[in-house]
Amino acid sequence: MSKELSKEMEFFIYLIENYAYYKNKNAKEVMEELQKYNLVERVFDGYEFYHIERLENAYEDIDNLIKQAKINEQK
């Protein structure tokens, strides 16, 4: 029995792998950072606007989400 991934999950995997390459990391490191700051669902839920924009816009958004989470963590 084969299970197909949703288009959202396929894009999420694509986004994480490409973001990792952009950040000179591996996908596991990126996922660990997103999990640390509880951002996995937020990034996954960004499908509707991430997939229609330049991929670099998604990278900038992810960078900003992580940056804000780090600032909030220090408060």
C-alpha atoms as a PDB file:
ATOM      1  CA  MET A   1       0.000   0.000   0.000  1.00  0.00           C
ATOM      2  CA  SER A   2       1.579   3.236  -1.108  1.00  0.00           C
ATOM      3  CA  LYS A   3       0.777   6.520   0.555  1.00  0.00           C
ATOM      4  CA  GLU A   4       1.227   9.738  -1.347  1.00  0.00           C
ATOM      5  CA  LEU A   5       2.342  12.916   0.328  1.00  0.00           C
ATOM      6  CA  SER A   6       0.110  15.953   0.186  1.00  0.00           C
ATOM      7  CA  LYS A   7       1.224  18.814  -2.029  1.00  0.00           C
ATOM      8  CA  GLU A   8       1.788  20.830   1.148  1.00  0.00           C
ATOM      9  CA  MET A   9       4.094  18.171   2.615  1.00  0.00           C
ATOM     10  CA  GLU A  10       5.988  17.792  -0.657  1.00  0.00           C
ATOM     11  CA  PHE A  11       6.549  21.542  -0.775  1.00  0.00           C
ATOM     12  CA  PHE A  12       7.503  21.669   2.913  1.00  0.00           C
ATOM     13  CA  ILE A  13      10.198  19.034   2.343  1.00  0.00           C
ATOM     14  CA  TYR A  14      11.394  20.894  -0.764  1.00  0.00           C
ATOM     15  CA  LEU A  15      11.475  24.174   1.169  1.00  0.00           C
ATOM     16  CA  ILE A  16      13.366  22.742   4.152  1.00  0.00           C
ATOM     17  CA  GLU A  17      15.943  21.013   1.951  1.00  0.00           C
ATOM     18  CA  ASN A  18      16.536  24.158  -0.092  1.00  0.00           C
ATOM     19  CA  TYR A  19      16.579  26.416   2.958  1.00  0.00           C
ATOM     20  CA  ALA A  20      19.149  24.107   4.532  1.00  0.00           C
ATOM     21  CA  TYR A  21      21.329  24.375   1.428  1.00  0.00           C
ATOM     22  CA  TYR A  22      20.902  28.181   1.476  1.00  0.00           C
ATOM     23  CA  LYS A  23      22.020  28.264   5.136  1.00  0.00           C
ATOM     24  CA  ASN A  24      24.861  25.783   4.538  1.00  0.00           C
ATOM     25  CA  LYS A  25      23.238  23.326   6.956  1.00  0.00           C
ATOM     26  CA  ASN A  26      21.531  19.990   6.562  1.00  0.00           C
ATOM     27  CA  ALA A  27      17.779  19.493   6.745  1.00  0.00           C
ATOM     28  CA  LYS A  28      18.039  17.805  10.145  1.00  0.00           C
ATOM     29  CA  GLU A  29      19.720  20.883  11.630  1.00  0.00           C
ATOM     30  CA  VAL A  30      17.041  23.141  10.168  1.00  0.00           C
ATOM     31  CA  MET A  31      14.241  20.951  11.519  1.00  0.00           C
ATOM     32  CA  GLU A  32      15.855  20.853  14.955  1.00  0.00           C
ATOM     33  CA  GLU A  33      16.023  24.650  15.027  1.00  0.00           C
ATOM     34  CA  LEU A  34      12.416  24.994  13.875  1.00  0.00           C
ATOM     35  CA  GLN A  35      11.348  22.457  16.510  1.00  0.00           C
ATOM     36  CA  LYS A  36      13.329  24.247  19.217  1.00  0.00           C
ATOM     37  CA  TYR A  37      11.363  27.431  18.558  1.00  0.00           C
ATOM     38  CA  ASN A  38       8.026  25.698  17.831  1.00  0.00           C
ATOM     39  CA  LEU A  39       8.022  26.961  14.248  1.00  0.00           C
ATOM     40  CA  VAL A  40       7.512  23.747  12.269  1.00  0.00           C
ATOM     41  CA  GLU A  41       3.744  24.104  12.015  1.00  0.00           C
ATOM     42  CA  ARG A  42       3.995  27.819  11.246  1.00  0.00           C
ATOM     43  CA  VAL A  43       6.371  27.199   8.341  1.00  0.00           C
ATOM     44  CA  PHE A  44       4.320  24.233   7.119  1.00  0.00           C
ATOM     45  CA  ASP A  45       1.157  26.338   7.256  1.00  0.00           C
ATOM     46  CA  GLY A  46       2.869  28.997   5.119  1.00  0.00           C
ATOM     47  CA  TYR A  47       2.344  26.852   2.020  1.00  0.00           C
ATOM     48  CA  GLU A  48      -0.375  29.095   0.597  1.00  0.00           C
ATOM     49  CA  PHE A  49       1.950  32.068   0.228  1.00  0.00           C
ATOM     50  CA  TYR A  50       5.384  30.416   0.145  1.00  0.00           C
ATOM     51  CA  HIS A  51       4.681  28.322  -2.931  1.00  0.00           C
ATOM     52  CA  ILE A  52       3.581  31.282  -5.058  1.00  0.00           C
ATOM     53  CA  GLU A  53       6.489  33.576  -4.173  1.00  0.00           C
ATOM     54  CA  ARG A  54      10.194  33.466  -4.845  1.00  0.00           C
ATOM     55  CA  LEU A  55      11.744  30.821  -2.635  1.00  0.00           C
ATOM     56  CA  GLU A  56      14.094  33.463  -1.253  1.00  0.00           C
ATOM     57  CA  ASN A  57      11.073  35.245   0.242  1.00  0.00           C
ATOM     58  CA  ALA A  58      10.304  32.109   2.233  1.00  0.00           C
ATOM     59  CA  TYR A  59      13.948  31.972   3.370  1.00  0.00           C
ATOM     60  CA  GLU A  60      13.713  35.574   4.586  1.00  0.00           C
ATOM     61  CA  ASP A  61      10.488  34.816   6.420  1.00  0.00           C
ATOM     62  CA  ILE A  62      11.973  31.749   8.106  1.00  0.00           C
ATOM     63  CA  ASP A  63      15.057  33.772   9.074  1.00  0.00           C
ATOM     64  CA  ASN A  64      12.804  36.440  10.591  1.00  0.00           C
ATOM     65  CA  LEU A  65      10.696  33.882  12.471  1.00  0.00           C
ATOM     66  CA  ILE A  66      13.818  32.325  13.982  1.00  0.00           C
ATOM     67  CA  LYS A  67      15.309  35.733  14.783  1.00  0.00           C
ATOM     68  CA  GLN A  68      12.110  36.808  16.553  1.00  0.00           C
ATOM     69  CA  ALA A  69      11.920  33.527  18.463  1.00  0.00           C
ATOM     70  CA  LYS A  70      15.504  34.011  19.667  1.00  0.00           C
ATOM     71  CA  ILE A  71      14.697  37.562  20.801  1.00  0.00           C
ATOM     72  CA  ASN A  72      11.599  36.338  22.643  1.00  0.00           C
ATOM     73  CA  GLU A  73      13.634  33.569  24.272  1.00  0.00           C
ATOM     74  CA  GLN A  74      16.031  36.139  25.765  1.00  0.00           C
ATOM     75  CA  LYS A  75      13.226  38.150  27.386  1.00  0.00           C
END
